[in-house]
N, C-alpha and C. Protein backbone atom coordinates (compact mmCIF):
# COMPACT_ATOMS: atom_id res chain seq x y z
N UNK A 1 0.85 -1.17 0.00
CA UNK A 1 0.00 0.00 0.00
C UNK A 1 0.89 1.23 0.00
N UNK A 2 0.57 2.22 -0.81
CA UNK A 2 1.42 3.41 -0.85
C UNK A 2 1.41 4.14 0.48
N UNK A 3 2.53 4.75 0.79
CA UNK A 3 2.63 5.55 2.02
C UNK A 3 2.08 6.93 1.71
N UNK A 4 0.87 7.16 2.15
CA UNK A 4 0.22 8.44 1.90
C UNK A 4 -0.58 8.77 3.14
N UNK A 5 -0.32 9.91 3.76
CA UNK A 5 -0.98 10.24 5.02
C UNK A 5 -2.50 10.15 4.97
N UNK A 6 -3.09 10.45 3.83
CA UNK A 6 -4.54 10.47 3.74
C UNK A 6 -5.17 9.08 3.81
N UNK A 7 -4.36 8.03 3.73
CA UNK A 7 -4.91 6.67 3.71
C UNK A 7 -4.88 6.02 5.08
N UNK A 8 -5.13 6.78 6.11
CA UNK A 8 -5.05 6.26 7.47
C UNK A 8 -6.09 5.17 7.73
N UNK A 9 -7.28 5.26 7.15
CA UNK A 9 -8.29 4.23 7.35
C UNK A 9 -7.83 2.90 6.77
N UNK A 10 -7.23 2.95 5.60
CA UNK A 10 -6.79 1.71 4.96
C UNK A 10 -5.63 1.08 5.73
N UNK A 11 -4.73 1.90 6.24
CA UNK A 11 -3.63 1.36 7.05
C UNK A 11 -4.17 0.73 8.33
N UNK A 12 -5.17 1.38 8.94
CA UNK A 12 -5.77 0.83 10.16
C UNK A 12 -6.47 -0.50 9.87
N UNK A 13 -7.16 -0.60 8.73
CA UNK A 13 -7.80 -1.85 8.34
C UNK A 13 -6.76 -2.95 8.14
N UNK A 14 -5.66 -2.62 7.47
CA UNK A 14 -4.60 -3.61 7.25
C UNK A 14 -4.04 -4.11 8.58
N UNK A 15 -3.76 -3.20 9.48
CA UNK A 15 -3.24 -3.59 10.81
C UNK A 15 -4.23 -4.51 11.53
N UNK A 16 -5.49 -4.19 11.44
CA UNK A 16 -6.52 -4.99 12.10
C UNK A 16 -6.59 -6.39 11.48
N UNK A 17 -6.52 -6.48 10.16
CA UNK A 17 -6.55 -7.77 9.47
C UNK A 17 -5.37 -8.63 9.91
N UNK A 18 -4.18 -8.04 9.99
CA UNK A 18 -2.99 -8.77 10.44
C UNK A 18 -3.21 -9.29 11.87
N UNK A 19 -3.75 -8.47 12.74
CA UNK A 19 -4.03 -8.90 14.12
C UNK A 19 -5.02 -10.06 14.14
N UNK A 20 -6.05 -9.99 13.31
CA UNK A 20 -7.04 -11.06 13.29
C UNK A 20 -6.45 -12.38 12.79
N UNK A 21 -5.49 -12.29 11.90
CA UNK A 21 -4.85 -13.52 11.38
C UNK A 21 -4.16 -14.29 12.49
N UNK A 22 -3.47 -13.58 13.38
CA UNK A 22 -2.70 -14.27 14.40
C UNK A 22 -1.68 -15.18 13.73
N UNK A 23 -1.73 -16.48 14.02
CA UNK A 23 -0.79 -17.43 13.41
C UNK A 23 -1.41 -18.19 12.24
N UNK A 24 -2.62 -17.78 11.80
CA UNK A 24 -3.30 -18.41 10.66
C UNK A 24 -3.07 -17.58 9.41
N UNK A 25 -3.13 -18.20 8.24
CA UNK A 25 -2.94 -17.41 7.01
C UNK A 25 -4.10 -16.47 6.70
N UNK A 26 -5.33 -16.85 7.11
CA UNK A 26 -6.50 -16.02 6.84
C UNK A 26 -7.41 -15.98 8.06
N UNK A 27 -7.94 -14.81 8.39
CA UNK A 27 -8.90 -14.76 9.49
C UNK A 27 -10.28 -15.24 9.04
N UNK A 28 -11.12 -15.57 9.99
CA UNK A 28 -12.49 -15.97 9.73
C UNK A 28 -13.38 -14.72 9.73
N UNK A 29 -14.42 -14.70 8.90
CA UNK A 29 -15.35 -13.56 8.93
C UNK A 29 -15.97 -13.35 10.31
N UNK A 30 -16.14 -14.42 11.06
CA UNK A 30 -16.74 -14.32 12.40
C UNK A 30 -15.87 -13.51 13.37
N UNK A 31 -14.61 -13.38 13.07
CA UNK A 31 -13.71 -12.63 13.96
C UNK A 31 -13.88 -11.13 13.85
N UNK A 32 -14.42 -10.67 12.73
CA UNK A 32 -14.50 -9.23 12.52
C UNK A 32 -15.70 -8.63 13.22
N UNK A 33 -15.48 -7.56 13.94
CA UNK A 33 -16.53 -6.80 14.61
C UNK A 33 -16.30 -5.32 14.31
N UNK A 34 -17.22 -4.71 13.59
CA UNK A 34 -17.09 -3.31 13.19
C UNK A 34 -16.91 -2.39 14.39
N UNK A 35 -17.42 -2.78 15.53
CA UNK A 35 -17.32 -1.92 16.71
C UNK A 35 -15.87 -1.75 17.18
N UNK A 36 -14.97 -2.63 16.72
CA UNK A 36 -13.56 -2.48 17.07
C UNK A 36 -12.87 -1.43 16.18
N UNK A 37 -13.54 -1.02 15.10
CA UNK A 37 -12.98 -0.02 14.18
C UNK A 37 -14.02 1.06 13.89
N UNK A 38 -14.45 1.79 14.90
CA UNK A 38 -15.52 2.76 14.68
C UNK A 38 -15.15 3.83 13.65
N UNK A 39 -13.87 4.14 13.52
CA UNK A 39 -13.45 5.16 12.55
C UNK A 39 -13.63 4.70 11.10
N UNK A 40 -13.89 3.40 10.90
CA UNK A 40 -14.10 2.89 9.54
C UNK A 40 -15.58 2.74 9.19
N UNK A 41 -16.46 2.92 10.16
CA UNK A 41 -17.89 2.79 9.87
C UNK A 41 -18.26 3.72 8.72
N UNK A 42 -18.98 3.20 7.79
CA UNK A 42 -19.39 3.98 6.62
C UNK A 42 -18.41 3.90 5.47
N UNK A 43 -17.20 3.39 5.73
CA UNK A 43 -16.16 3.32 4.70
C UNK A 43 -15.78 1.88 4.38
N UNK A 44 -16.61 0.92 4.82
CA UNK A 44 -16.33 -0.49 4.60
C UNK A 44 -17.42 -1.14 3.75
N UNK A 45 -16.99 -2.08 2.92
CA UNK A 45 -17.90 -2.97 2.21
C UNK A 45 -17.62 -4.38 2.72
N UNK A 46 -18.67 -5.16 2.88
CA UNK A 46 -18.51 -6.59 3.11
C UNK A 46 -18.96 -7.25 1.81
N UNK A 47 -18.06 -8.03 1.23
CA UNK A 47 -18.30 -8.61 -0.09
C UNK A 47 -18.27 -10.13 0.02
N UNK A 48 -19.34 -10.78 -0.43
CA UNK A 48 -19.38 -12.24 -0.47
C UNK A 48 -18.75 -12.72 -1.77
N UNK A 49 -17.99 -13.80 -1.66
CA UNK A 49 -17.33 -14.41 -2.82
C UNK A 49 -18.01 -15.75 -3.05
N UNK A 50 -18.54 -15.95 -4.26
CA UNK A 50 -19.27 -17.19 -4.56
C UNK A 50 -18.89 -17.72 -5.92
N UNK A 51 -18.81 -19.07 -6.00
CA UNK A 51 -18.68 -19.77 -7.27
C UNK A 51 -17.29 -19.80 -7.86
N UNK A 52 -17.24 -20.47 -9.00
CA UNK A 52 -16.00 -20.59 -9.77
C UNK A 52 -16.37 -20.50 -11.24
N UNK A 53 -15.98 -19.48 -11.98
CA UNK A 53 -15.15 -18.38 -11.51
C UNK A 53 -15.90 -17.56 -10.46
N UNK A 54 -15.13 -16.88 -9.62
CA UNK A 54 -15.77 -16.17 -8.51
C UNK A 54 -16.62 -14.99 -8.96
N UNK A 55 -17.74 -14.83 -8.26
CA UNK A 55 -18.58 -13.65 -8.41
C UNK A 55 -18.60 -12.95 -7.06
N UNK A 56 -18.81 -11.66 -7.09
CA UNK A 56 -18.75 -10.84 -5.88
C UNK A 56 -20.08 -10.11 -5.70
N UNK A 57 -20.61 -10.20 -4.47
CA UNK A 57 -21.86 -9.52 -4.14
C UNK A 57 -21.64 -8.68 -2.89
N UNK A 58 -22.08 -7.43 -2.96
CA UNK A 58 -21.97 -6.54 -1.81
C UNK A 58 -23.02 -6.95 -0.77
N UNK A 59 -22.55 -7.53 0.31
CA UNK A 59 -23.45 -7.84 1.42
C UNK A 59 -23.77 -6.55 2.18
N UNK A 60 -22.78 -5.67 2.25
CA UNK A 60 -22.93 -4.36 2.86
C UNK A 60 -22.10 -3.38 2.04
N UNK A 61 -22.69 -2.24 1.73
CA UNK A 61 -21.98 -1.20 0.99
C UNK A 61 -21.89 0.00 1.92
N UNK A 62 -20.67 0.47 2.17
CA UNK A 62 -20.44 1.56 3.12
C UNK A 62 -21.32 2.78 2.86
N UNK A 63 -21.97 3.25 3.90
CA UNK A 63 -22.91 4.36 3.74
C UNK A 63 -22.25 5.66 3.30
N UNK A 64 -21.06 5.95 3.80
CA UNK A 64 -20.35 7.18 3.38
C UNK A 64 -19.94 7.07 1.91
N UNK A 65 -19.52 5.88 1.49
CA UNK A 65 -19.13 5.69 0.09
C UNK A 65 -20.37 5.76 -0.80
N UNK A 66 -21.49 5.25 -0.33
CA UNK A 66 -22.74 5.36 -1.09
C UNK A 66 -23.12 6.83 -1.28
N UNK A 67 -22.94 7.63 -0.24
CA UNK A 67 -23.24 9.07 -0.35
C UNK A 67 -22.32 9.74 -1.36
N UNK A 68 -21.04 9.42 -1.29
CA UNK A 68 -20.07 10.03 -2.20
C UNK A 68 -20.34 9.62 -3.64
N UNK A 69 -20.61 8.33 -3.86
CA UNK A 69 -20.82 7.81 -5.21
C UNK A 69 -22.24 7.95 -5.73
N UNK A 70 -23.17 8.30 -4.85
CA UNK A 70 -24.53 8.52 -5.29
C UNK A 70 -25.36 7.25 -5.45
N UNK A 71 -24.88 6.12 -4.91
CA UNK A 71 -25.67 4.89 -5.00
C UNK A 71 -25.22 3.88 -3.94
N UNK A 72 -26.21 3.17 -3.44
CA UNK A 72 -25.97 2.10 -2.46
C UNK A 72 -26.09 0.78 -3.21
N UNK A 73 -25.02 0.01 -3.18
CA UNK A 73 -24.99 -1.24 -3.94
C UNK A 73 -25.18 -2.48 -3.06
N UNK A 74 -25.67 -2.30 -1.84
CA UNK A 74 -25.91 -3.44 -0.97
C UNK A 74 -26.83 -4.44 -1.67
N UNK A 75 -26.40 -5.72 -1.66
CA UNK A 75 -27.17 -6.79 -2.29
C UNK A 75 -26.92 -6.98 -3.77
N UNK A 76 -26.16 -6.10 -4.39
CA UNK A 76 -25.92 -6.17 -5.84
C UNK A 76 -24.66 -6.97 -6.15
N UNK A 77 -24.70 -7.70 -7.26
CA UNK A 77 -23.53 -8.39 -7.78
C UNK A 77 -22.67 -7.37 -8.52
N UNK A 78 -21.37 -7.46 -8.34
CA UNK A 78 -20.46 -6.51 -8.99
C UNK A 78 -20.61 -6.55 -10.50
N UNK A 79 -20.70 -7.76 -11.08
CA UNK A 79 -20.73 -7.85 -12.55
C UNK A 79 -22.06 -7.40 -13.16
N UNK A 80 -23.05 -7.08 -12.36
CA UNK A 80 -24.33 -6.56 -12.87
C UNK A 80 -24.42 -5.04 -12.82
N UNK A 81 -23.41 -4.40 -12.30
CA UNK A 81 -23.46 -2.96 -12.08
C UNK A 81 -23.07 -2.21 -13.36
N UNK A 82 -23.75 -1.12 -13.58
CA UNK A 82 -23.46 -0.24 -14.72
C UNK A 82 -22.66 0.96 -14.23
N UNK A 83 -21.81 1.50 -15.03
CA UNK A 83 -21.40 1.06 -16.35
C UNK A 83 -20.45 -0.14 -16.26
N UNK A 84 -20.36 -0.92 -17.34
CA UNK A 84 -19.52 -2.12 -17.32
C UNK A 84 -18.05 -1.84 -16.97
N UNK A 85 -17.52 -0.70 -17.35
CA UNK A 85 -16.11 -0.43 -17.03
C UNK A 85 -15.90 -0.28 -15.52
N UNK A 86 -16.93 0.21 -14.81
CA UNK A 86 -16.85 0.29 -13.36
C UNK A 86 -16.85 -1.12 -12.79
N UNK A 87 -17.76 -1.96 -13.27
CA UNK A 87 -17.83 -3.35 -12.79
C UNK A 87 -16.51 -4.08 -13.06
N UNK A 88 -15.92 -3.87 -14.23
CA UNK A 88 -14.66 -4.54 -14.57
C UNK A 88 -13.52 -4.10 -13.65
N UNK A 89 -13.46 -2.82 -13.34
CA UNK A 89 -12.39 -2.32 -12.46
C UNK A 89 -12.52 -2.90 -11.05
N UNK A 90 -13.74 -2.95 -10.53
CA UNK A 90 -13.96 -3.48 -9.20
C UNK A 90 -13.72 -4.99 -9.19
N UNK A 91 -14.20 -5.68 -10.22
CA UNK A 91 -13.99 -7.13 -10.32
C UNK A 91 -12.49 -7.44 -10.30
N UNK A 92 -11.71 -6.71 -11.06
CA UNK A 92 -10.26 -6.93 -11.10
C UNK A 92 -9.64 -6.69 -9.73
N UNK A 93 -10.08 -5.65 -9.04
CA UNK A 93 -9.54 -5.34 -7.72
C UNK A 93 -9.90 -6.44 -6.72
N UNK A 94 -11.10 -7.00 -6.83
CA UNK A 94 -11.54 -8.03 -5.89
C UNK A 94 -10.92 -9.39 -6.19
N UNK A 95 -10.46 -9.62 -7.41
CA UNK A 95 -9.79 -10.89 -7.74
C UNK A 95 -8.39 -10.96 -7.14
N UNK A 96 -7.74 -9.81 -6.98
CA UNK A 96 -6.36 -9.79 -6.48
C UNK A 96 -6.18 -10.51 -5.15
N UNK A 97 -7.00 -10.24 -4.12
CA UNK A 97 -6.77 -10.94 -2.85
C UNK A 97 -7.06 -12.44 -2.93
N UNK A 98 -7.87 -12.86 -3.90
CA UNK A 98 -8.10 -14.29 -4.07
C UNK A 98 -6.85 -14.96 -4.62
N UNK A 99 -6.17 -14.28 -5.52
CA UNK A 99 -4.93 -14.80 -6.11
C UNK A 99 -3.78 -14.77 -5.12
N UNK A 100 -3.60 -13.65 -4.44
CA UNK A 100 -2.45 -13.46 -3.56
C UNK A 100 -2.69 -13.93 -2.13
N UNK A 101 -3.98 -14.08 -1.75
CA UNK A 101 -4.36 -14.51 -0.41
C UNK A 101 -3.85 -13.55 0.67
N UNK A 102 -3.80 -12.28 0.29
CA UNK A 102 -3.36 -11.18 1.14
C UNK A 102 -4.21 -9.96 0.83
N UNK A 103 -4.24 -8.97 1.72
CA UNK A 103 -4.92 -7.72 1.38
C UNK A 103 -4.26 -7.07 0.17
N UNK A 104 -5.06 -6.54 -0.72
CA UNK A 104 -4.55 -5.92 -1.93
C UNK A 104 -5.12 -4.51 -2.07
N UNK A 105 -4.24 -3.58 -2.37
CA UNK A 105 -4.57 -2.17 -2.55
C UNK A 105 -4.83 -1.89 -4.02
N UNK A 106 -5.81 -1.04 -4.29
CA UNK A 106 -6.05 -0.55 -5.66
C UNK A 106 -6.65 0.85 -5.55
N UNK A 107 -6.62 1.56 -6.65
CA UNK A 107 -7.25 2.88 -6.68
C UNK A 107 -7.94 3.04 -8.01
N UNK A 108 -8.99 3.84 -7.99
CA UNK A 108 -9.72 4.07 -9.23
C UNK A 108 -8.96 5.08 -10.07
N UNK A 109 -9.14 4.93 -11.36
CA UNK A 109 -8.67 5.96 -12.26
C UNK A 109 -9.90 6.76 -12.65
N UNK A 110 -10.54 6.35 -13.73
CA UNK A 110 -11.75 7.08 -14.12
C UNK A 110 -12.99 6.21 -13.97
N UNK A 111 -12.88 5.10 -13.26
CA UNK A 111 -13.99 4.14 -13.22
C UNK A 111 -15.22 4.67 -12.51
N UNK A 112 -15.09 5.68 -11.68
CA UNK A 112 -16.23 6.12 -10.89
C UNK A 112 -16.91 7.37 -11.43
N UNK A 113 -16.30 8.04 -12.38
CA UNK A 113 -16.88 9.29 -12.90
C UNK A 113 -17.18 10.29 -11.79
N UNK A 114 -16.33 10.32 -10.78
CA UNK A 114 -16.54 11.24 -9.68
C UNK A 114 -15.68 12.49 -9.81
N UNK A 115 -14.99 12.59 -10.94
CA UNK A 115 -14.25 13.80 -11.19
C UNK A 115 -13.14 14.07 -10.21
N UNK A 116 -13.37 14.94 -9.27
CA UNK A 116 -12.33 15.44 -8.38
C UNK A 116 -12.04 14.52 -7.20
N UNK A 117 -12.48 13.27 -7.25
CA UNK A 117 -12.25 12.33 -6.15
C UNK A 117 -11.57 11.07 -6.67
N UNK A 118 -10.52 10.66 -5.99
CA UNK A 118 -9.89 9.36 -6.24
C UNK A 118 -10.42 8.40 -5.19
N UNK A 119 -10.78 7.20 -5.61
CA UNK A 119 -11.23 6.17 -4.68
C UNK A 119 -10.10 5.17 -4.50
N UNK A 120 -9.67 5.01 -3.25
CA UNK A 120 -8.62 4.06 -2.89
C UNK A 120 -9.27 2.94 -2.09
N UNK A 121 -8.85 1.69 -2.37
CA UNK A 121 -9.47 0.59 -1.63
C UNK A 121 -8.44 -0.44 -1.20
N UNK A 122 -8.74 -1.09 -0.10
CA UNK A 122 -7.95 -2.21 0.38
C UNK A 122 -8.91 -3.37 0.59
N UNK A 123 -8.73 -4.44 -0.19
CA UNK A 123 -9.60 -5.62 -0.12
C UNK A 123 -8.87 -6.71 0.66
N UNK A 124 -9.45 -7.08 1.81
CA UNK A 124 -8.85 -8.05 2.73
C UNK A 124 -9.61 -9.36 2.68
N UNK A 125 -8.92 -10.48 2.42
CA UNK A 125 -9.59 -11.78 2.32
C UNK A 125 -9.87 -12.42 3.68
N UNK A 126 -11.01 -13.11 3.76
CA UNK A 126 -11.41 -13.86 4.95
C UNK A 126 -11.87 -15.25 4.50
N UNK A 127 -11.73 -16.22 5.39
CA UNK A 127 -12.12 -17.59 5.08
C UNK A 127 -12.86 -18.22 6.24
N UNK A 128 -14.06 -18.73 5.97
CA UNK A 128 -14.84 -19.41 7.02
C UNK A 128 -14.26 -20.77 7.38
N UNK A 129 -13.63 -21.44 6.39
CA UNK A 129 -13.11 -22.78 6.65
C UNK A 129 -11.59 -22.83 6.78
N UNK A 130 -10.94 -21.67 6.77
CA UNK A 130 -9.49 -21.62 6.90
C UNK A 130 -8.73 -21.78 5.61
N UNK A 131 -9.44 -22.06 4.52
CA UNK A 131 -8.76 -22.23 3.23
C UNK A 131 -9.40 -21.41 2.11
N UNK A 132 -10.69 -21.64 1.85
CA UNK A 132 -11.37 -20.97 0.75
C UNK A 132 -11.77 -19.55 1.14
N UNK A 133 -11.43 -18.60 0.30
CA UNK A 133 -11.80 -17.20 0.57
C UNK A 133 -13.26 -17.02 0.18
N UNK A 134 -14.09 -16.72 1.17
CA UNK A 134 -15.52 -16.57 0.91
C UNK A 134 -16.04 -15.18 1.24
N UNK A 135 -15.17 -14.32 1.72
CA UNK A 135 -15.59 -12.96 2.05
C UNK A 135 -14.40 -12.02 1.90
N UNK A 136 -14.70 -10.80 1.48
CA UNK A 136 -13.72 -9.73 1.46
C UNK A 136 -14.25 -8.60 2.34
N UNK A 137 -13.37 -8.03 3.10
CA UNK A 137 -13.68 -6.81 3.83
C UNK A 137 -12.91 -5.73 3.10
N UNK A 138 -13.62 -4.76 2.56
CA UNK A 138 -13.01 -3.75 1.69
C UNK A 138 -13.16 -2.38 2.33
N UNK A 139 -12.03 -1.76 2.61
CA UNK A 139 -12.02 -0.40 3.10
C UNK A 139 -11.84 0.54 1.93
N UNK A 140 -12.53 1.67 1.98
CA UNK A 140 -12.46 2.64 0.88
C UNK A 140 -12.18 4.02 1.46
N UNK A 141 -11.27 4.74 0.80
CA UNK A 141 -11.04 6.15 1.14
C UNK A 141 -11.23 6.98 -0.12
N UNK A 142 -11.98 8.04 0.03
CA UNK A 142 -12.20 8.99 -1.06
C UNK A 142 -11.29 10.18 -0.81
N UNK A 143 -10.38 10.43 -1.74
CA UNK A 143 -9.38 11.49 -1.58
C UNK A 143 -9.64 12.57 -2.64
N UNK A 144 -9.83 13.82 -2.23
CA UNK A 144 -10.00 14.89 -3.19
C UNK A 144 -8.74 15.08 -4.03
N UNK A 145 -8.93 15.38 -5.29
CA UNK A 145 -7.82 15.71 -6.19
C UNK A 145 -7.68 17.22 -6.18
N UNK A 146 -6.65 17.74 -5.52
CA UNK A 146 -6.57 19.20 -5.36
C UNK A 146 -6.38 19.98 -6.65
N UNK A 147 -5.79 19.36 -7.67
CA UNK A 147 -5.51 20.09 -8.91
C UNK A 147 -6.34 19.57 -10.06
N UNK A 148 -7.55 19.09 -9.75
CA UNK A 148 -8.42 18.53 -10.78
C UNK A 148 -8.90 19.65 -11.70
N UNK A 149 -8.80 19.39 -13.03
CA UNK A 149 -9.20 20.42 -14.00
C UNK A 149 -10.34 19.98 -14.90
N UNK A 150 -10.79 18.75 -14.78
CA UNK A 150 -11.86 18.26 -15.64
C UNK A 150 -12.03 16.77 -15.44
N UNK A 151 -12.93 16.18 -16.21
CA UNK A 151 -13.20 14.74 -16.10
C UNK A 151 -11.94 13.96 -16.41
N UNK A 152 -11.79 12.83 -15.68
CA UNK A 152 -10.62 11.95 -15.92
C UNK A 152 -10.86 11.08 -17.11
């Protein structure tokens, strides 16, 4: 993850994920309690991972991110979301932790059409059975682009 002061929520999420792992390679979804990270409330997505090839469904879509992006995607499958380029960017970001079995950082370029805001995310894998990744906990930070001059 890039060292950038504005990404304090994502760094805190990463630290928490490492603590939850303990001596296991992946934490269980049951271990996570949002009340232990109150500063992340509204900035987290809980994403279910199903099938092969994997599909991703937002079990919970962060309320602050929904406000920023203008839509709440709770209950929606990533690959059904419009526009397709947005779905493709998110799908690619969510596949990374399945491949690497570690938290993976990504940032939006123009996928969100939010103009003066960059969306940074950290997708952290969780496993109910200790092996198969069946959930992602995704932290999101919206960072203003101070020198934005037009659409990306």
